[in-house]
Amino acid sequence: MTIKPNKYKNIIFDLGGVILNIDYMLAVKAFNVLGLPEFENYFSQAQQKQLFDLYEKGQLSSADFRNELKIHCKTDVDDTTIDAAWNSMLLDLPPERLDLLKQYKQTHRTFLLSNTNEIHIDTFNKYLQNNFNIPNMAGHFEKLYLSYKVGMRKPDSEIFELVLSENNLNPSETLFIDDSIQHIKTANKLGIQTYWLDVKKESIVNMFE
């Protein structure tokens, strides 16, 4: 399936899975090694425990997040080891996706809406600096909405409503692209046009006409 971009004035992009390649199972495996065999029950693409919700809403510091994970690990680990396991899900960002974002920023109002956290964003920004000589994604969008910065996260409707209201966006003229179906469902209920990206079969680079 392809999208006709001229149908929309605004495009809201997810980050992980849509722009940045990720693999949740790598973090599951990493924490299994650290003695947390049930990690997949704590955190996955479809659902997660309160610890991760609080961290992604910025209601828990990185230090407290690490300490909570340490309690559940059956081996003694330091902060660096926790960060490495947590960041293991972050993979690469194909440069052609950045090119596409630059292209559509010229013709549409574009926004980034991501459930994320301080440890991941710090690591991702270092990746951007090292690989593309840019400090962050701010130059590729009109505005970034990062869950831990705004205190809300998908699939709660309030974060979608925030993006719409702050930028005076008409939902019917706005396309939201995400790889998590639960986020798509909330956006649909608000009248936002949506595209569920099947990352196993397609990329944002080849989904637009």
C-alpha atoms as a PDB file:
ATOM      1  CA  MET A   1       0.000   0.000   0.000  1.00  0.00           C
ATOM      2  CA  THR A   2       1.239   3.498  -0.825  1.00  0.00           C
ATOM      3  CA  ILE A   3       0.248   6.904   0.508  1.00  0.00           C
ATOM      4  CA  LYS A   4      -0.613   9.968  -1.548  1.00  0.00           C
ATOM      5  CA  PRO A   5       1.104  12.741   0.450  1.00  0.00           C
ATOM      6  CA  ASN A   6      -0.820  15.508  -1.318  1.00  0.00           C
ATOM      7  CA  LYS A   7      -3.951  14.370   0.544  1.00  0.00           C
ATOM      8  CA  TYR A   8      -2.502  15.749   3.792  1.00  0.00           C
ATOM      9  CA  LYS A   9      -1.203  19.055   5.096  1.00  0.00           C
ATOM     10  CA  ASN A  10       0.445  17.613   8.201  1.00  0.00           C
ATOM     11  CA  ILE A  11       2.396  14.425   8.931  1.00  0.00           C
ATOM     12  CA  ILE A  12       3.167  13.089  12.417  1.00  0.00           C
ATOM     13  CA  PHE A  13       5.946  10.502  12.502  1.00  0.00           C
ATOM     14  CA  ASP A  14       6.758   7.969  15.195  1.00  0.00           C
ATOM     15  CA  LEU A  15      10.484   7.490  15.905  1.00  0.00           C
ATOM     16  CA  GLY A  16      11.335   3.902  16.930  1.00  0.00           C
ATOM     17  CA  GLY A  17      10.482   1.412  14.203  1.00  0.00           C
ATOM     18  CA  VAL A  18       9.437   4.119  11.748  1.00  0.00           C
ATOM     19  CA  ILE A  19      12.560   6.288  11.527  1.00  0.00           C
ATOM     20  CA  LEU A  20      15.048   4.467  13.741  1.00  0.00           C
ATOM     21  CA  ASN A  21      15.308   0.703  13.378  1.00  0.00           C
ATOM     22  CA  ILE A  22      14.766  -1.081  16.694  1.00  0.00           C
ATOM     23  CA  ASP A  23      14.535  -4.640  17.972  1.00  0.00           C
ATOM     24  CA  TYR A  24      12.819  -5.099  21.341  1.00  0.00           C
ATOM     25  CA  MET A  25      14.008  -8.692  21.577  1.00  0.00           C
ATOM     26  CA  LEU A  26      17.647  -7.594  21.800  1.00  0.00           C
ATOM     27  CA  ALA A  27      16.864  -5.844  25.093  1.00  0.00           C
ATOM     28  CA  VAL A  28      14.943  -8.896  26.271  1.00  0.00           C
ATOM     29  CA  LYS A  29      17.961 -11.085  25.560  1.00  0.00           C
ATOM     30  CA  ALA A  30      20.370  -8.610  27.169  1.00  0.00           C
ATOM     31  CA  PHE A  31      18.390  -8.471  30.404  1.00  0.00           C
ATOM     32  CA  ASN A  32      17.999 -12.242  30.381  1.00  0.00           C
ATOM     33  CA  VAL A  33      21.793 -12.429  30.539  1.00  0.00           C
ATOM     34  CA  LEU A  34      21.722 -10.066  33.516  1.00  0.00           C
ATOM     35  CA  GLY A  35      19.423 -12.424  35.374  1.00  0.00           C
ATOM     36  CA  LEU A  36      16.026 -10.959  34.507  1.00  0.00           C
ATOM     37  CA  PRO A  37      14.439 -13.837  32.540  1.00  0.00           C
ATOM     38  CA  GLU A  38      10.926 -12.387  32.691  1.00  0.00           C
ATOM     39  CA  PHE A  39      11.906  -9.056  31.067  1.00  0.00           C
ATOM     40  CA  GLU A  40       9.630  -9.675  28.080  1.00  0.00           C
ATOM     41  CA  ASN A  41       6.703  -9.669  30.505  1.00  0.00           C
ATOM     42  CA  TYR A  42       7.818  -6.283  31.814  1.00  0.00           C
ATOM     43  CA  PHE A  43       8.436  -4.552  28.484  1.00  0.00           C
ATOM     44  CA  SER A  44       7.362  -5.149  24.878  1.00  0.00           C
ATOM     45  CA  GLN A  45       6.043  -3.221  21.889  1.00  0.00           C
ATOM     46  CA  ALA A  46       2.458  -4.062  22.798  1.00  0.00           C
ATOM     47  CA  GLN A  47       2.512  -3.442  26.554  1.00  0.00           C
ATOM     48  CA  GLN A  48       4.719  -2.646  29.508  1.00  0.00           C
ATOM     49  CA  LYS A  49       4.714  -2.380  33.285  1.00  0.00           C
ATOM     50  CA  GLN A  50       4.272   0.828  35.278  1.00  0.00           C
ATOM     51  CA  LEU A  51       8.040   1.259  35.744  1.00  0.00           C
ATOM     52  CA  PHE A  52       8.489   1.886  32.025  1.00  0.00           C
ATOM     53  CA  ASP A  53       5.356   4.023  31.747  1.00  0.00           C
ATOM     54  CA  LEU A  54       6.589   6.290  34.535  1.00  0.00           C
ATOM     55  CA  TYR A  55      10.038   6.533  32.992  1.00  0.00           C
ATOM     56  CA  GLU A  56       8.664   7.339  29.550  1.00  0.00           C
ATOM     57  CA  LYS A  57       6.471  10.049  31.090  1.00  0.00           C
ATOM     58  CA  GLY A  58       9.452  11.633  32.821  1.00  0.00           C
ATOM     59  CA  GLN A  59       7.985  10.827  36.237  1.00  0.00           C
ATOM     60  CA  LEU A  60      10.974   8.681  37.177  1.00  0.00           C
ATOM     61  CA  SER A  61      14.615   9.763  36.958  1.00  0.00           C
ATOM     62  CA  SER A  62      17.151   7.740  35.006  1.00  0.00           C
ATOM     63  CA  ALA A  63      18.927   6.943  38.278  1.00  0.00           C
ATOM     64  CA  ASP A  64      15.726   5.594  39.852  1.00  0.00           C
ATOM     65  CA  PHE A  65      14.905   3.651  36.665  1.00  0.00           C
ATOM     66  CA  ARG A  66      18.315   1.967  36.729  1.00  0.00           C
ATOM     67  CA  ASN A  67      18.025   1.191  40.436  1.00  0.00           C
ATOM     68  CA  GLU A  68      14.616  -0.439  39.962  1.00  0.00           C
ATOM     69  CA  LEU A  69      15.993  -2.660  37.203  1.00  0.00           C
ATOM     70  CA  LYS A  70      18.968  -3.594  39.367  1.00  0.00           C
ATOM     71  CA  ILE A  71      16.598  -4.842  42.072  1.00  0.00           C
ATOM     72  CA  HIS A  72      15.080  -7.322  39.617  1.00  0.00           C
ATOM     73  CA  CYS A  73      18.375  -8.495  38.138  1.00  0.00           C
ATOM     74  CA  LYS A  74      19.811 -11.603  39.738  1.00  0.00           C
ATOM     75  CA  THR A  75      23.403 -10.460  39.150  1.00  0.00           C
ATOM     76  CA  ASP A  76      25.287  -7.412  40.393  1.00  0.00           C
ATOM     77  CA  VAL A  77      25.323  -4.812  37.612  1.00  0.00           C
ATOM     78  CA  ASP A  78      26.434  -1.195  37.342  1.00  0.00           C
ATOM     79  CA  ASP A  79      24.770   1.734  35.560  1.00  0.00           C
ATOM     80  CA  THR A  80      26.839   1.287  32.410  1.00  0.00           C
ATOM     81  CA  THR A  81      25.752  -2.335  32.093  1.00  0.00           C
ATOM     82  CA  ILE A  82      22.084  -1.425  32.608  1.00  0.00           C
ATOM     83  CA  ASP A  83      22.328   1.312  29.970  1.00  0.00           C
ATOM     84  CA  ALA A  84      24.003  -1.024  27.495  1.00  0.00           C
ATOM     85  CA  ALA A  85      21.257  -3.631  27.918  1.00  0.00           C
ATOM     86  CA  TRP A  86      18.511  -1.015  27.679  1.00  0.00           C
ATOM     87  CA  ASN A  87      20.075   0.614  24.606  1.00  0.00           C
ATOM     88  CA  SER A  88      20.682  -2.692  22.832  1.00  0.00           C
ATOM     89  CA  MET A  89      17.275  -2.410  21.143  1.00  0.00           C
ATOM     90  CA  LEU A  90      18.389   0.737  19.287  1.00  0.00           C
ATOM     91  CA  LEU A  91      19.777  -0.132  15.873  1.00  0.00           C
ATOM     92  CA  ASP A  92      20.535   2.067  12.849  1.00  0.00           C
ATOM     93  CA  LEU A  93      18.945   4.951  10.992  1.00  0.00           C
ATOM     94  CA  PRO A  94      19.217   4.569   7.195  1.00  0.00           C
ATOM     95  CA  PRO A  95      20.295   7.957   5.766  1.00  0.00           C
ATOM     96  CA  GLU A  96      17.608   7.893   3.073  1.00  0.00           C
ATOM     97  CA  ARG A  97      15.007   8.248   5.836  1.00  0.00           C
ATOM     98  CA  LEU A  98      16.587  11.511   6.943  1.00  0.00           C
ATOM     99  CA  ASP A  99      16.509  12.649   3.324  1.00  0.00           C
ATOM    100  CA  LEU A 100      12.794  11.846   3.156  1.00  0.00           C
ATOM    101  CA  LEU A 101      12.115  13.801   6.342  1.00  0.00           C
ATOM    102  CA  LYS A 102      13.958  16.809   4.926  1.00  0.00           C
ATOM    103  CA  GLN A 103      11.919  16.531   1.738  1.00  0.00           C
ATOM    104  CA  TYR A 104       8.539  16.450   3.459  1.00  0.00           C
ATOM    105  CA  LYS A 105       9.414  19.230   5.870  1.00  0.00           C
ATOM    106  CA  GLN A 106       9.552  21.487   2.794  1.00  0.00           C
ATOM    107  CA  THR A 107       6.045  20.570   1.627  1.00  0.00           C
ATOM    108  CA  HIS A 108       4.164  19.655   4.831  1.00  0.00           C
ATOM    109  CA  ARG A 109       4.034  20.569   8.493  1.00  0.00           C
ATOM    110  CA  THR A 110       5.848  17.644  10.094  1.00  0.00           C
ATOM    111  CA  PHE A 111       6.096  16.524  13.712  1.00  0.00           C
ATOM    112  CA  LEU A 112       7.802  13.772  15.695  1.00  0.00           C
ATOM    113  CA  LEU A 113       5.699  11.983  18.325  1.00  0.00           C
ATOM    114  CA  SER A 114       7.623   9.361  20.278  1.00  0.00           C
ATOM    115  CA  ASN A 115       7.334   7.297  23.432  1.00  0.00           C
ATOM    116  CA  THR A 116      10.913   7.515  24.623  1.00  0.00           C
ATOM    117  CA  ASN A 117      13.141   8.283  27.588  1.00  0.00           C
ATOM    118  CA  GLU A 118      16.276  10.115  28.628  1.00  0.00           C
ATOM    119  CA  ILE A 119      18.705   7.205  28.277  1.00  0.00           C
ATOM    120  CA  HIS A 120      17.518   6.319  24.781  1.00  0.00           C
ATOM    121  CA  ILE A 121      17.431   9.902  23.524  1.00  0.00           C
ATOM    122  CA  ASP A 122      20.897  10.685  24.888  1.00  0.00           C
ATOM    123  CA  THR A 123      22.256   7.606  23.111  1.00  0.00           C
ATOM    124  CA  PHE A 124      20.321   8.342  19.912  1.00  0.00           C
ATOM    125  CA  ASN A 125      21.555  11.940  19.812  1.00  0.00           C
ATOM    126  CA  LYS A 126      25.148  10.751  20.172  1.00  0.00           C
ATOM    127  CA  TYR A 127      24.514   8.381  17.257  1.00  0.00           C
ATOM    128  CA  LEU A 128      23.183  11.274  15.156  1.00  0.00           C
ATOM    129  CA  GLN A 129      26.198  13.424  16.006  1.00  0.00           C
ATOM    130  CA  ASN A 130      28.689  10.666  15.229  1.00  0.00           C
ATOM    131  CA  ASN A 131      27.058   9.443  12.030  1.00  0.00           C
ATOM    132  CA  PHE A 132      25.348  12.498  10.539  1.00  0.00           C
ATOM    133  CA  ASN A 133      27.007  15.455  12.303  1.00  0.00           C
ATOM    134  CA  ILE A 134      23.676  16.703  13.692  1.00  0.00           C
ATOM    135  CA  PRO A 135      22.950  17.090  17.435  1.00  0.00           C
ATOM    136  CA  ASN A 136      19.350  15.835  17.359  1.00  0.00           C
ATOM    137  CA  MET A 137      16.247  15.533  15.162  1.00  0.00           C
ATOM    138  CA  ALA A 138      14.992  19.083  15.722  1.00  0.00           C
ATOM    139  CA  GLY A 139      16.077  20.290  12.282  1.00  0.00           C
ATOM    140  CA  HIS A 140      13.977  17.649  10.538  1.00  0.00           C
ATOM    141  CA  PHE A 141      10.600  18.605  12.057  1.00  0.00           C
ATOM    142  CA  GLU A 142       8.571  21.648  12.962  1.00  0.00           C
ATOM    143  CA  LYS A 143       8.385  20.338  16.535  1.00  0.00           C
ATOM    144  CA  LEU A 144       9.353  17.262  18.559  1.00  0.00           C
ATOM    145  CA  TYR A 145       6.979  15.647  21.058  1.00  0.00           C
ATOM    146  CA  LEU A 146       8.965  13.276  23.262  1.00  0.00           C
ATOM    147  CA  SER A 147       6.914  11.517  25.926  1.00  0.00           C
ATOM    148  CA  TYR A 148       9.364  12.028  28.773  1.00  0.00           C
ATOM    149  CA  LYS A 149       9.511  15.753  28.003  1.00  0.00           C
ATOM    150  CA  VAL A 150       5.754  16.388  27.800  1.00  0.00           C
ATOM    151  CA  GLY A 151       4.722  14.002  30.598  1.00  0.00           C
ATOM    152  CA  MET A 152       2.370  11.975  28.404  1.00  0.00           C
ATOM    153  CA  ARG A 153       2.692   8.914  26.222  1.00  0.00           C
ATOM    154  CA  LYS A 154       0.877   7.008  23.493  1.00  0.00           C
ATOM    155  CA  PRO A 155      -1.642   5.434  23.302  1.00  0.00           C
ATOM    156  CA  ASP A 156      -3.257   7.920  25.720  1.00  0.00           C
ATOM    157  CA  SER A 157      -5.395  10.382  23.776  1.00  0.00           C
ATOM    158  CA  GLU A 158      -4.055  13.414  25.655  1.00  0.00           C
ATOM    159  CA  ILE A 159      -0.705  13.401  23.873  1.00  0.00           C
ATOM    160  CA  PHE A 160      -2.397  13.338  20.461  1.00  0.00           C
ATOM    161  CA  GLU A 161      -4.737  16.120  21.573  1.00  0.00           C
ATOM    162  CA  LEU A 162      -1.718  18.147  22.703  1.00  0.00           C
ATOM    163  CA  VAL A 163      -0.085  17.929  19.267  1.00  0.00           C
ATOM    164  CA  LEU A 164      -3.335  18.870  17.519  1.00  0.00           C
ATOM    165  CA  SER A 165      -4.230  21.772  19.797  1.00  0.00           C
ATOM    166  CA  GLU A 166      -0.764  23.331  20.140  1.00  0.00           C
ATOM    167  CA  ASN A 167      -0.326  23.440  16.387  1.00  0.00           C
ATOM    168  CA  ASN A 168      -3.933  24.075  15.343  1.00  0.00           C
ATOM    169  CA  LEU A 169      -4.020  20.916  13.236  1.00  0.00           C
ATOM    170  CA  ASN A 170      -7.173  19.627  11.585  1.00  0.00           C
ATOM    171  CA  PRO A 171      -7.255  15.855  12.276  1.00  0.00           C
ATOM    172  CA  SER A 172      -8.744  15.104   8.854  1.00  0.00           C
ATOM    173  CA  GLU A 173      -5.783  16.842   7.201  1.00  0.00           C
ATOM    174  CA  THR A 174      -3.220  15.108   9.410  1.00  0.00           C
ATOM    175  CA  LEU A 175      -1.497  11.777   8.769  1.00  0.00           C
ATOM    176  CA  PHE A 176      -0.041   9.810  11.683  1.00  0.00           C
ATOM    177  CA  ILE A 177       2.476   7.024  10.933  1.00  0.00           C
ATOM    178  CA  ASP A 178       3.285   4.461  13.626  1.00  0.00           C
ATOM    179  CA  ASP A 179       4.279   0.797  13.863  1.00  0.00           C
ATOM    180  CA  SER A 180       2.211   0.052  17.002  1.00  0.00           C
ATOM    181  CA  ILE A 181      -1.432  -0.737  16.345  1.00  0.00           C
ATOM    182  CA  GLN A 182      -2.614   0.453  19.781  1.00  0.00           C
ATOM    183  CA  HIS A 183      -1.338   3.948  18.966  1.00  0.00           C
ATOM    184  CA  ILE A 184      -3.044   3.881  15.571  1.00  0.00           C
ATOM    185  CA  LYS A 185      -6.372   3.009  17.187  1.00  0.00           C
ATOM    186  CA  THR A 186      -6.296   6.030  19.503  1.00  0.00           C
ATOM    187  CA  ALA A 187      -5.404   8.392  16.665  1.00  0.00           C
ATOM    188  CA  ASN A 188      -8.288   6.987  14.593  1.00  0.00           C
ATOM    189  CA  LYS A 189     -10.756   7.682  17.398  1.00  0.00           C
ATOM    190  CA  LEU A 190      -9.670  11.331  17.318  1.00  0.00           C
ATOM    191  CA  GLY A 191     -10.286  11.591  13.586  1.00  0.00           C
ATOM    192  CA  ILE A 192      -6.597  11.596  12.645  1.00  0.00           C
ATOM    193  CA  GLN A 193      -5.741   9.840   9.382  1.00  0.00           C
ATOM    194  CA  THR A 194      -3.387   6.938  10.067  1.00  0.00           C
ATOM    195  CA  TYR A 195      -1.001   4.484   8.507  1.00  0.00           C
ATOM    196  CA  TRP A 196       0.140   1.411  10.393  1.00  0.00           C
ATOM    197  CA  LEU A 197       3.666   0.662   9.211  1.00  0.00           C
ATOM    198  CA  ASP A 198       4.492  -3.026   9.003  1.00  0.00           C
ATOM    199  CA  VAL A 199       8.240  -2.716   9.560  1.00  0.00           C
ATOM    200  CA  LYS A 200       8.817  -6.320   8.494  1.00  0.00           C
ATOM    201  CA  LYS A 201       7.566  -5.552   5.010  1.00  0.00           C
ATOM    202  CA  GLU A 202       8.013  -1.843   4.315  1.00  0.00           C
ATOM    203  CA  SER A 203       9.766   1.412   5.137  1.00  0.00           C
ATOM    204  CA  ILE A 204       8.686   5.050   5.106  1.00  0.00           C
ATOM    205  CA  VAL A 205      11.017   5.475   2.133  1.00  0.00           C
ATOM    206  CA  ASN A 206       8.864   3.302  -0.131  1.00  0.00           C
ATOM    207  CA  MET A 207       5.390   3.907   1.332  1.00  0.00           C
ATOM    208  CA  PHE A 208       4.836   7.315  -0.284  1.00  0.00           C
ATOM    209  CA  GLU A 209       3.825   7.693  -3.925  1.00  0.00           C
END
